[in-house]
């Protein structure tokens, strides 16, 4: 059996398009693989943000 070197790119852009629809809505999610950092970008024109004290 031949070994295949499978590597992931350093950055992944996730869009959430699945058989269940756009599960991420108007968000773009960026994943930095090496550090496992997740960055979410929201579309300000389409979303309303409410900060609750229990979430801070």
N, C-alpha and C. Protein backbone atom coordinates (compact mmCIF):
# COMPACT_ATOMS: atom_id res chain seq x y z
N UNK A 1 0.84 -1.17 0.00
CA UNK A 1 0.00 0.00 0.00
C UNK A 1 0.89 1.24 0.00
N UNK A 2 0.56 2.18 -0.87
CA UNK A 2 1.33 3.40 -0.98
C UNK A 2 0.82 4.45 0.02
N UNK A 3 1.73 5.05 0.76
CA UNK A 3 1.38 6.10 1.71
C UNK A 3 1.19 7.42 0.96
N UNK A 4 0.13 8.12 1.29
CA UNK A 4 -0.16 9.41 0.68
C UNK A 4 -0.07 10.47 1.77
N UNK A 5 0.69 11.51 1.51
CA UNK A 5 0.83 12.60 2.48
C UNK A 5 -0.32 13.58 2.29
N UNK A 6 -1.26 13.55 3.22
CA UNK A 6 -2.41 14.45 3.17
C UNK A 6 -2.18 15.60 4.14
N UNK A 7 -2.16 16.80 3.63
CA UNK A 7 -1.96 17.96 4.49
C UNK A 7 -3.10 18.95 4.29
N UNK A 8 -3.40 19.65 5.35
CA UNK A 8 -4.40 20.70 5.28
C UNK A 8 -3.72 22.03 5.02
N UNK A 9 -4.41 22.94 4.34
CA UNK A 9 -3.84 24.28 4.18
C UNK A 9 -3.78 24.99 5.53
N UNK A 10 -2.97 26.02 5.61
CA UNK A 10 -2.82 26.74 6.87
C UNK A 10 -4.12 27.45 7.27
N UNK A 11 -4.85 27.98 6.28
CA UNK A 11 -6.10 28.69 6.53
C UNK A 11 -7.23 27.99 5.78
N UNK A 12 -8.40 27.86 6.44
CA UNK A 12 -9.60 27.31 5.81
C UNK A 12 -10.72 28.34 5.91
N UNK A 13 -11.45 28.50 4.83
CA UNK A 13 -12.62 29.39 4.82
C UNK A 13 -13.85 28.50 4.73
N UNK A 14 -14.72 28.59 5.73
CA UNK A 14 -15.91 27.74 5.81
C UNK A 14 -17.14 28.57 5.47
N UNK A 15 -18.02 28.01 4.64
CA UNK A 15 -19.21 28.77 4.25
C UNK A 15 -20.51 28.17 4.79
N UNK A 16 -20.51 26.95 5.26
CA UNK A 16 -21.70 26.37 5.87
C UNK A 16 -22.77 25.91 4.91
N UNK A 17 -22.48 25.81 3.63
CA UNK A 17 -23.47 25.30 2.68
C UNK A 17 -23.53 23.78 2.79
N UNK A 18 -24.68 23.28 3.26
CA UNK A 18 -24.87 21.85 3.43
C UNK A 18 -26.22 21.45 2.85
N UNK A 19 -26.56 20.18 2.98
CA UNK A 19 -27.87 19.72 2.53
C UNK A 19 -29.00 20.31 3.38
N UNK A 20 -28.66 20.90 4.51
CA UNK A 20 -29.65 21.55 5.38
C UNK A 20 -29.75 23.05 5.12
N UNK A 21 -29.08 23.55 4.10
CA UNK A 21 -29.10 24.98 3.79
C UNK A 21 -27.84 25.67 4.27
N UNK A 22 -27.90 26.99 4.36
CA UNK A 22 -26.75 27.77 4.83
C UNK A 22 -26.78 27.81 6.35
N UNK A 23 -26.10 26.87 6.96
CA UNK A 23 -26.14 26.74 8.42
C UNK A 23 -25.41 27.85 9.14
N UNK A 24 -24.56 28.58 8.46
CA UNK A 24 -23.84 29.70 9.08
C UNK A 24 -24.52 31.03 8.82
N UNK A 25 -25.60 31.04 8.07
CA UNK A 25 -26.29 32.29 7.77
C UNK A 25 -25.39 33.25 7.00
N UNK A 26 -25.31 34.49 7.45
CA UNK A 26 -24.49 35.51 6.77
C UNK A 26 -23.10 35.64 7.40
N UNK A 27 -22.63 34.59 8.04
CA UNK A 27 -21.31 34.61 8.66
C UNK A 27 -20.30 33.92 7.77
N UNK A 28 -19.08 34.38 7.82
CA UNK A 28 -17.95 33.71 7.21
C UNK A 28 -17.05 33.25 8.34
N UNK A 29 -16.66 31.99 8.32
CA UNK A 29 -15.82 31.45 9.38
C UNK A 29 -14.46 31.11 8.78
N UNK A 30 -13.41 31.60 9.43
CA UNK A 30 -12.04 31.35 9.01
C UNK A 30 -11.37 30.53 10.10
N UNK A 31 -10.73 29.44 9.71
CA UNK A 31 -10.06 28.56 10.67
C UNK A 31 -8.57 28.54 10.37
N UNK A 32 -7.76 28.87 11.38
CA UNK A 32 -6.31 28.74 11.26
C UNK A 32 -5.97 27.37 11.83
N UNK A 33 -5.57 26.46 10.96
CA UNK A 33 -5.41 25.06 11.33
C UNK A 33 -4.33 24.85 12.38
N UNK A 34 -3.20 25.46 12.21
CA UNK A 34 -2.06 25.19 13.10
C UNK A 34 -2.32 25.61 14.54
N UNK A 35 -3.04 26.70 14.74
CA UNK A 35 -3.30 27.18 16.11
C UNK A 35 -4.73 26.87 16.57
N UNK A 36 -5.55 26.29 15.69
CA UNK A 36 -6.96 26.00 15.98
C UNK A 36 -7.73 27.26 16.35
N UNK A 37 -7.37 28.39 15.74
CA UNK A 37 -8.05 29.66 15.97
C UNK A 37 -9.23 29.77 15.01
N UNK A 38 -10.38 30.14 15.55
CA UNK A 38 -11.58 30.32 14.75
C UNK A 38 -11.94 31.80 14.76
N UNK A 39 -12.12 32.37 13.57
CA UNK A 39 -12.48 33.77 13.43
C UNK A 39 -13.82 33.82 12.68
N UNK A 40 -14.80 34.52 13.25
CA UNK A 40 -16.09 34.66 12.58
C UNK A 40 -16.26 36.10 12.13
N UNK A 41 -16.72 36.26 10.89
CA UNK A 41 -16.97 37.58 10.32
C UNK A 41 -18.46 37.67 10.03
N UNK A 42 -19.12 38.70 10.58
CA UNK A 42 -20.55 38.89 10.41
C UNK A 42 -20.81 40.00 9.40
N UNK A 43 -21.87 39.83 8.63
CA UNK A 43 -22.30 40.86 7.69
C UNK A 43 -23.16 41.86 8.44
N UNK A 44 -22.62 43.06 8.68
CA UNK A 44 -23.32 44.08 9.49
C UNK A 44 -24.64 44.50 8.89
N UNK A 45 -24.76 44.51 7.59
CA UNK A 45 -25.98 45.02 6.96
C UNK A 45 -27.15 44.06 7.10
N UNK A 46 -26.87 42.79 7.38
CA UNK A 46 -27.94 41.79 7.42
C UNK A 46 -28.20 41.24 8.81
N UNK A 47 -27.46 41.65 9.79
CA UNK A 47 -27.61 41.07 11.13
C UNK A 47 -27.81 42.18 12.16
N UNK A 48 -28.51 41.85 13.22
CA UNK A 48 -28.67 42.73 14.36
C UNK A 48 -27.98 42.05 15.53
N UNK A 49 -27.10 42.79 16.19
CA UNK A 49 -26.33 42.21 17.29
C UNK A 49 -26.84 42.75 18.61
N UNK A 50 -27.05 41.86 19.54
CA UNK A 50 -27.46 42.24 20.88
C UNK A 50 -26.48 41.60 21.84
N UNK A 51 -25.86 42.40 22.68
CA UNK A 51 -24.96 41.88 23.70
C UNK A 51 -25.72 41.72 24.99
N UNK A 52 -25.64 40.54 25.56
CA UNK A 52 -26.27 40.30 26.85
C UNK A 52 -25.18 40.16 27.88
N UNK A 53 -25.41 40.70 29.06
CA UNK A 53 -24.42 40.67 30.12
C UNK A 53 -23.98 39.27 30.52
N UNK A 54 -24.88 38.29 30.42
CA UNK A 54 -24.51 36.93 30.82
C UNK A 54 -23.60 36.24 29.81
N UNK A 55 -23.45 36.83 28.63
CA UNK A 55 -22.57 36.26 27.61
C UNK A 55 -21.18 36.88 27.62
N UNK A 56 -20.99 37.94 28.38
CA UNK A 56 -19.71 38.64 28.37
C UNK A 56 -18.77 38.08 29.41
